[in-house]
Amino acid sequence: MTARPSIEDVDFKDRFEAGDVKPSDFSHRDHLKLVYVYLCESDTETASKRMRSSLSQFLKDNGVPASHYHETLTLSWTQAVKHFMVKAVAPTSFDAFIAIDDRLLDPNVMLTHYDRNTLFSDQARQEFVPPDLQSIPQYA
């Protein structure tokens, strides 16, 4: 059995995609929830594309410069959530998933995979840069 989103998780995704979530209401946890739903609905590559598209539209809809989008963070977090989903025993919601192992809630966890200068470089913002400290497991 695979991970599933709850009705509330899907509702959140739908509200986000409809532009009903404001930047002040979109936390790190919400980023994770959105990618969790996308990963429940599709493979990692498709989920990554959906995150990129949804976040870019979110920035545009809220008058935030497109330069605030960060490609490496988006793809790395998608890979990390997928890794933890594979390890989890078929959670039936994002809340159940994160309750199994809440390490993803730490927004600084990517600094265990990336040197700060690498992760926050202009290059990493514009294109995916592979981890330079510790790899993140890859799943198709």
N, C-alpha and C. Protein backbone atom coordinates (compact mmCIF):
# COMPACT_ATOMS: atom_id res chain seq x y z
N MET A 1 0.84 -1.18 0.00
CA MET A 1 0.00 0.00 0.00
C MET A 1 0.88 1.25 0.00
N THR A 2 0.49 2.26 -0.74
CA THR A 2 1.28 3.48 -0.84
C THR A 2 0.66 4.60 -0.01
N ALA A 3 1.42 5.65 0.16
CA ALA A 3 0.94 6.81 0.90
C ALA A 3 -0.25 7.44 0.18
N ARG A 4 -1.15 7.99 0.99
CA ARG A 4 -2.33 8.65 0.44
C ARG A 4 -2.51 10.01 1.12
N PRO A 5 -3.07 10.95 0.40
CA PRO A 5 -3.40 12.22 1.04
C PRO A 5 -4.79 12.14 1.66
N SER A 6 -5.01 12.91 2.69
CA SER A 6 -6.35 13.00 3.27
C SER A 6 -7.19 13.97 2.44
N ILE A 7 -8.46 14.01 2.72
CA ILE A 7 -9.35 14.97 2.06
C ILE A 7 -8.87 16.39 2.34
N GLU A 8 -8.43 16.63 3.58
CA GLU A 8 -7.93 17.95 3.96
C GLU A 8 -6.65 18.30 3.19
N ASP A 9 -5.79 17.30 2.98
CA ASP A 9 -4.56 17.53 2.22
C ASP A 9 -4.89 17.95 0.78
N VAL A 10 -5.80 17.23 0.17
CA VAL A 10 -6.19 17.54 -1.22
C VAL A 10 -6.88 18.90 -1.28
N ASP A 11 -7.70 19.20 -0.28
CA ASP A 11 -8.36 20.51 -0.21
C ASP A 11 -7.31 21.62 -0.14
N PHE A 12 -6.27 21.42 0.67
CA PHE A 12 -5.20 22.41 0.75
C PHE A 12 -4.55 22.60 -0.62
N LYS A 13 -4.23 21.51 -1.29
CA LYS A 13 -3.62 21.60 -2.63
C LYS A 13 -4.52 22.37 -3.57
N ASP A 14 -5.80 22.06 -3.55
CA ASP A 14 -6.75 22.73 -4.44
C ASP A 14 -6.84 24.23 -4.12
N ARG A 15 -6.86 24.59 -2.85
CA ARG A 15 -6.90 26.00 -2.46
C ARG A 15 -5.62 26.71 -2.87
N PHE A 16 -4.48 26.02 -2.72
CA PHE A 16 -3.20 26.61 -3.12
C PHE A 16 -3.20 26.87 -4.63
N GLU A 17 -3.60 25.87 -5.40
CA GLU A 17 -3.59 26.00 -6.85
C GLU A 17 -4.59 27.04 -7.35
N ALA A 18 -5.66 27.26 -6.58
CA ALA A 18 -6.66 28.26 -6.94
C ALA A 18 -6.25 29.67 -6.53
N GLY A 19 -5.12 29.79 -5.84
CA GLY A 19 -4.64 31.09 -5.41
C GLY A 19 -5.28 31.58 -4.12
N ASP A 20 -5.86 30.66 -3.36
CA ASP A 20 -6.54 31.03 -2.12
C ASP A 20 -5.65 30.95 -0.89
N VAL A 21 -4.35 30.75 -1.08
CA VAL A 21 -3.40 30.71 0.04
C VAL A 21 -2.46 31.90 -0.16
N LYS A 22 -2.34 32.70 0.86
CA LYS A 22 -1.48 33.89 0.80
C LYS A 22 -0.08 33.56 1.32
N PRO A 23 0.92 34.32 0.89
CA PRO A 23 2.28 34.06 1.34
C PRO A 23 2.43 33.99 2.86
N SER A 24 1.72 34.85 3.58
CA SER A 24 1.83 34.85 5.04
C SER A 24 1.25 33.59 5.66
N ASP A 25 0.45 32.85 4.90
CA ASP A 25 -0.16 31.62 5.38
C ASP A 25 0.49 30.37 4.80
N PHE A 26 1.61 30.52 4.10
CA PHE A 26 2.25 29.40 3.43
C PHE A 26 3.59 29.12 4.10
N SER A 27 3.57 28.22 5.05
CA SER A 27 4.74 27.90 5.87
C SER A 27 5.60 26.80 5.23
N HIS A 28 6.72 26.54 5.86
CA HIS A 28 7.57 25.42 5.44
C HIS A 28 6.76 24.12 5.47
N ARG A 29 6.00 23.93 6.54
CA ARG A 29 5.16 22.73 6.67
C ARG A 29 4.19 22.63 5.48
N ASP A 30 3.64 23.76 5.07
CA ASP A 30 2.71 23.75 3.93
C ASP A 30 3.41 23.41 2.63
N HIS A 31 4.65 23.87 2.46
CA HIS A 31 5.44 23.46 1.29
C HIS A 31 5.55 21.92 1.27
N LEU A 32 5.88 21.35 2.42
CA LEU A 32 6.02 19.90 2.52
C LEU A 32 4.70 19.19 2.24
N LYS A 33 3.61 19.74 2.76
CA LYS A 33 2.29 19.13 2.53
C LYS A 33 1.95 19.14 1.04
N LEU A 34 2.22 20.24 0.38
CA LEU A 34 1.93 20.33 -1.05
C LEU A 34 2.72 19.29 -1.84
N VAL A 35 4.01 19.16 -1.56
CA VAL A 35 4.81 18.17 -2.29
C VAL A 35 4.38 16.75 -1.92
N TYR A 36 3.97 16.54 -0.67
CA TYR A 36 3.46 15.22 -0.26
C TYR A 36 2.25 14.84 -1.13
N VAL A 37 1.31 15.76 -1.29
CA VAL A 37 0.13 15.46 -2.10
C VAL A 37 0.54 15.18 -3.55
N TYR A 38 1.42 16.01 -4.10
CA TYR A 38 1.86 15.78 -5.47
C TYR A 38 2.54 14.42 -5.61
N LEU A 39 3.33 14.03 -4.63
CA LEU A 39 4.00 12.73 -4.69
C LEU A 39 3.01 11.57 -4.51
N CYS A 40 1.94 11.79 -3.78
CA CYS A 40 0.89 10.76 -3.67
C CYS A 40 0.17 10.58 -5.00
N GLU A 41 0.07 11.66 -5.75
CA GLU A 41 -0.69 11.65 -7.00
C GLU A 41 0.15 11.30 -8.23
N SER A 42 1.48 11.37 -8.11
CA SER A 42 2.30 11.19 -9.30
C SER A 42 3.72 10.76 -8.93
N ASP A 43 4.52 10.49 -9.95
CA ASP A 43 5.91 10.11 -9.72
C ASP A 43 6.74 11.34 -9.34
N THR A 44 7.96 11.11 -8.96
CA THR A 44 8.82 12.17 -8.45
C THR A 44 9.07 13.25 -9.50
N GLU A 45 9.33 12.87 -10.72
CA GLU A 45 9.59 13.86 -11.76
C GLU A 45 8.37 14.74 -12.01
N THR A 46 7.21 14.13 -12.09
CA THR A 46 5.98 14.90 -12.30
C THR A 46 5.69 15.79 -11.09
N ALA A 47 5.88 15.26 -9.90
CA ALA A 47 5.66 16.05 -8.68
C ALA A 47 6.60 17.26 -8.66
N SER A 48 7.84 17.07 -9.08
CA SER A 48 8.80 18.18 -9.13
C SER A 48 8.33 19.24 -10.11
N LYS A 49 7.86 18.83 -11.26
CA LYS A 49 7.35 19.78 -12.27
C LYS A 49 6.13 20.52 -11.74
N ARG A 50 5.26 19.80 -11.05
CA ARG A 50 4.06 20.44 -10.49
C ARG A 50 4.44 21.45 -9.41
N MET A 51 5.41 21.10 -8.57
CA MET A 51 5.86 22.04 -7.54
C MET A 51 6.44 23.29 -8.20
N ARG A 52 7.29 23.11 -9.18
CA ARG A 52 7.90 24.25 -9.87
C ARG A 52 6.81 25.16 -10.45
N SER A 53 5.87 24.55 -11.14
CA SER A 53 4.80 25.32 -11.77
C SER A 53 3.91 26.01 -10.73
N SER A 54 3.51 25.28 -9.70
CA SER A 54 2.63 25.85 -8.68
C SER A 54 3.30 26.98 -7.91
N LEU A 55 4.57 26.78 -7.54
CA LEU A 55 5.28 27.82 -6.81
C LEU A 55 5.51 29.05 -7.67
N SER A 56 5.85 28.84 -8.93
CA SER A 56 6.05 29.97 -9.84
C SER A 56 4.75 30.76 -10.01
N GLN A 57 3.64 30.06 -10.15
CA GLN A 57 2.34 30.74 -10.27
C GLN A 57 1.98 31.46 -8.98
N PHE A 58 2.28 30.84 -7.85
CA PHE A 58 2.04 31.44 -6.54
C PHE A 58 2.78 32.77 -6.41
N LEU A 59 4.05 32.77 -6.80
CA LEU A 59 4.84 34.01 -6.76
C LEU A 59 4.22 35.07 -7.65
N LYS A 60 3.87 34.68 -8.86
CA LYS A 60 3.28 35.62 -9.82
C LYS A 60 1.96 36.18 -9.28
N ASP A 61 1.10 35.30 -8.79
CA ASP A 61 -0.22 35.73 -8.29
C ASP A 61 -0.11 36.68 -7.11
N ASN A 62 0.98 36.59 -6.37
CA ASN A 62 1.14 37.41 -5.17
C ASN A 62 2.13 38.55 -5.35
N GLY A 63 2.50 38.82 -6.60
CA GLY A 63 3.37 39.95 -6.88
C GLY A 63 4.77 39.82 -6.33
N VAL A 64 5.20 38.57 -6.14
CA VAL A 64 6.55 38.32 -5.63
C VAL A 64 7.47 38.09 -6.84
N PRO A 65 8.62 38.72 -6.87
CA PRO A 65 9.51 38.54 -8.02
C PRO A 65 9.84 37.06 -8.26
N ALA A 66 9.86 36.67 -9.52
CA ALA A 66 10.17 35.28 -9.89
C ALA A 66 11.54 34.86 -9.37
N SER A 67 12.41 35.81 -9.12
CA SER A 67 13.75 35.49 -8.62
C SER A 67 13.72 34.89 -7.22
N HIS A 68 12.57 34.94 -6.54
CA HIS A 68 12.46 34.32 -5.22
C HIS A 68 12.33 32.80 -5.31
N TYR A 69 11.99 32.29 -6.50
CA TYR A 69 11.90 30.84 -6.69
C TYR A 69 13.31 30.26 -6.61
N HIS A 70 13.42 29.09 -5.97
CA HIS A 70 14.73 28.46 -5.77
C HIS A 70 14.64 27.02 -6.28
N GLU A 71 15.23 26.77 -7.44
CA GLU A 71 15.14 25.46 -8.09
C GLU A 71 15.76 24.34 -7.26
N THR A 72 16.94 24.56 -6.72
CA THR A 72 17.60 23.50 -5.96
C THR A 72 16.81 23.14 -4.70
N LEU A 73 16.34 24.14 -3.98
CA LEU A 73 15.54 23.85 -2.79
C LEU A 73 14.26 23.10 -3.16
N THR A 74 13.60 23.51 -4.21
CA THR A 74 12.35 22.86 -4.62
C THR A 74 12.59 21.39 -4.94
N LEU A 75 13.59 21.11 -5.74
CA LEU A 75 13.83 19.72 -6.14
C LEU A 75 14.41 18.90 -5.00
N SER A 76 15.26 19.49 -4.20
CA SER A 76 15.84 18.75 -3.07
C SER A 76 14.78 18.38 -2.04
N TRP A 77 13.90 19.32 -1.73
CA TRP A 77 12.83 19.00 -0.78
C TRP A 77 11.88 17.95 -1.35
N THR A 78 11.62 17.99 -2.64
CA THR A 78 10.78 16.96 -3.25
C THR A 78 11.45 15.60 -3.09
N GLN A 79 12.74 15.51 -3.36
CA GLN A 79 13.47 14.25 -3.20
C GLN A 79 13.47 13.79 -1.74
N ALA A 80 13.64 14.73 -0.82
CA ALA A 80 13.68 14.37 0.60
C ALA A 80 12.32 13.85 1.07
N VAL A 81 11.25 14.52 0.68
CA VAL A 81 9.91 14.05 1.06
C VAL A 81 9.67 12.66 0.48
N LYS A 82 10.04 12.46 -0.77
CA LYS A 82 9.87 11.14 -1.39
C LYS A 82 10.65 10.08 -0.60
N HIS A 83 11.87 10.39 -0.21
CA HIS A 83 12.68 9.44 0.55
C HIS A 83 11.97 9.05 1.85
N PHE A 84 11.46 10.01 2.57
CA PHE A 84 10.76 9.71 3.82
C PHE A 84 9.43 8.99 3.58
N MET A 85 8.80 9.26 2.45
CA MET A 85 7.56 8.54 2.11
C MET A 85 7.84 7.07 1.84
N VAL A 86 8.94 6.79 1.17
CA VAL A 86 9.31 5.40 0.89
C VAL A 86 9.58 4.65 2.19
N LYS A 87 10.18 5.33 3.15
CA LYS A 87 10.49 4.71 4.44
C LYS A 87 9.25 4.55 5.33
N ALA A 88 8.24 5.38 5.14
CA ALA A 88 7.04 5.35 5.99
C ALA A 88 6.15 4.16 5.62
N VAL A 89 5.34 3.74 6.56
CA VAL A 89 4.44 2.62 6.33
C VAL A 89 3.08 3.16 5.92
N ALA A 90 2.92 3.45 4.64
CA ALA A 90 1.67 3.86 4.01
C ALA A 90 0.84 4.85 4.82
N PRO A 91 1.37 6.03 5.07
CA PRO A 91 0.57 7.01 5.79
C PRO A 91 -0.69 7.39 5.01
N THR A 92 -1.73 7.75 5.73
CA THR A 92 -3.01 8.08 5.09
C THR A 92 -3.29 9.58 5.11
N SER A 93 -2.30 10.35 5.48
CA SER A 93 -2.42 11.82 5.44
C SER A 93 -1.04 12.41 5.64
N PHE A 94 -0.93 13.69 5.33
CA PHE A 94 0.33 14.37 5.59
C PHE A 94 0.64 14.38 7.08
N ASP A 95 -0.37 14.65 7.91
CA ASP A 95 -0.14 14.68 9.36
C ASP A 95 0.37 13.34 9.87
N ALA A 96 -0.20 12.24 9.37
CA ALA A 96 0.27 10.91 9.78
C ALA A 96 1.70 10.68 9.30
N PHE A 97 1.98 11.13 8.09
CA PHE A 97 3.33 11.01 7.52
C PHE A 97 4.35 11.75 8.37
N ILE A 98 4.08 12.99 8.69
CA ILE A 98 5.06 13.80 9.41
C ILE A 98 5.18 13.34 10.86
N ALA A 99 4.14 12.73 11.40
CA ALA A 99 4.19 12.21 12.77
C ALA A 99 5.15 11.02 12.88
N ILE A 100 5.35 10.31 11.79
CA ILE A 100 6.26 9.16 11.78
C ILE A 100 7.70 9.61 12.00
N ASP A 101 8.06 10.72 11.37
CA ASP A 101 9.42 11.26 11.48
C ASP A 101 9.35 12.74 11.12
N ASP A 102 9.51 13.58 12.10
CA ASP A 102 9.31 15.01 11.87
C ASP A 102 10.59 15.77 11.50
N ARG A 103 11.65 15.08 11.15
CA ARG A 103 12.90 15.77 10.81
C ARG A 103 12.74 16.73 9.63
N LEU A 104 11.80 16.45 8.74
CA LEU A 104 11.60 17.32 7.59
C LEU A 104 11.08 18.70 7.99
N LEU A 105 10.52 18.80 9.17
CA LEU A 105 9.98 20.09 9.62
C LEU A 105 11.08 21.11 9.91
N ASP A 106 12.31 20.64 10.02
CA ASP A 106 13.43 21.55 10.25
C ASP A 106 13.85 22.15 8.90
N PRO A 107 13.59 23.44 8.68
CA PRO A 107 13.93 24.03 7.38
C PRO A 107 15.42 24.05 7.09
N ASN A 108 16.24 23.81 8.10
CA ASN A 108 17.69 23.82 7.90
C ASN A 108 18.26 22.45 7.57
N VAL A 109 17.42 21.45 7.43
CA VAL A 109 17.92 20.09 7.19
C VAL A 109 18.72 19.99 5.88
N MET A 110 18.41 20.84 4.92
CA MET A 110 19.17 20.79 3.66
C MET A 110 20.62 21.18 3.86
N LEU A 111 20.91 21.86 4.95
CA LEU A 111 22.31 22.23 5.22
C LEU A 111 23.13 21.03 5.68
N THR A 112 22.50 19.87 5.88
CA THR A 112 23.24 18.64 6.11
C THR A 112 23.64 18.00 4.78
N HIS A 113 23.04 18.49 3.71
CA HIS A 113 23.32 17.97 2.36
C HIS A 113 24.13 18.95 1.51
N TYR A 114 23.99 20.22 1.84
CA TYR A 114 24.63 21.28 1.05
C TYR A 114 25.45 22.21 1.94
N ASP A 115 26.58 22.63 1.41
CA ASP A 115 27.30 23.74 2.01
C ASP A 115 26.43 24.99 1.82
N ARG A 116 26.38 25.82 2.82
CA ARG A 116 25.54 27.03 2.78
C ARG A 116 25.84 27.88 1.53
N ASN A 117 27.11 28.05 1.19
CA ASN A 117 27.47 28.85 0.01
C ASN A 117 26.95 28.23 -1.27
N THR A 118 26.96 26.93 -1.34
CA THR A 118 26.44 26.24 -2.53
C THR A 118 24.93 26.41 -2.61
N LEU A 119 24.25 26.10 -1.52
CA LEU A 119 22.79 26.10 -1.52
C LEU A 119 22.20 27.48 -1.80
N PHE A 120 22.82 28.51 -1.30
CA PHE A 120 22.26 29.85 -1.45
C PHE A 120 22.95 30.67 -2.55
N SER A 121 23.61 29.96 -3.46
CA SER A 121 24.24 30.63 -4.60
C SER A 121 23.19 30.98 -5.66
N ASP A 122 23.52 31.93 -6.50
CA ASP A 122 22.64 32.27 -7.62
C ASP A 122 22.44 31.07 -8.53
N GLN A 123 23.49 30.31 -8.74
CA GLN A 123 23.38 29.13 -9.60
C GLN A 123 22.34 28.15 -9.05
N ALA A 124 22.37 27.88 -7.75
CA ALA A 124 21.43 26.93 -7.14
C ALA A 124 20.00 27.46 -7.18
N ARG A 125 19.84 28.75 -7.15
CA ARG A 125 18.50 29.34 -7.26
C ARG A 125 17.94 29.13 -8.67
N GLN A 126 18.78 29.22 -9.67
CA GLN A 126 18.34 29.18 -11.06
C GLN A 126 18.26 27.79 -11.66
N GLU A 127 19.13 26.87 -11.18
CA GLU A 127 19.14 25.51 -11.73
C GLU A 127 19.49 24.54 -10.61
N PHE A 128 19.11 23.28 -10.82
CA PHE A 128 19.39 22.30 -9.79
C PHE A 128 20.88 22.05 -9.66
N VAL A 129 21.36 22.13 -8.43
CA VAL A 129 22.74 21.83 -8.10
C VAL A 129 22.72 20.61 -7.18
N PRO A 130 23.43 19.54 -7.51
CA PRO A 130 23.43 18.35 -6.65
C PRO A 130 24.06 18.64 -5.29
N PRO A 131 23.64 17.90 -4.27
CA PRO A 131 24.22 18.08 -2.94
C PRO A 131 25.74 17.92 -2.97
N ASP A 132 26.42 18.74 -2.19
CA ASP A 132 27.88 18.65 -2.16
C ASP A 132 28.42 18.15 -0.83
N LEU A 133 27.53 17.84 0.14
CA LEU A 133 27.96 17.26 1.41
C LEU A 133 27.49 15.82 1.58
N GLN A 134 26.22 15.61 1.37
CA GLN A 134 25.63 14.27 1.53
C GLN A 134 24.49 14.14 0.53
N SER A 135 24.47 13.06 -0.23
CA SER A 135 23.44 12.89 -1.24
C SER A 135 22.05 12.68 -0.62
N ILE A 136 21.05 12.96 -1.41
CA ILE A 136 19.67 12.67 -1.05
C ILE A 136 19.25 11.50 -1.94
N PRO A 137 18.72 10.42 -1.38
CA PRO A 137 18.32 9.28 -2.21
C PRO A 137 17.35 9.70 -3.31
N GLN A 138 17.54 9.11 -4.47
CA GLN A 138 16.73 9.43 -5.65
C GLN A 138 15.72 8.32 -5.90
N TYR A 139 14.51 8.71 -6.27
CA TYR A 139 13.46 7.73 -6.61
C TYR A 139 12.78 8.20 -7.87
N ALA A 140 12.46 7.25 -8.73
CA ALA A 140 11.77 7.58 -9.98
C ALA A 140 10.32 7.88 -9.72
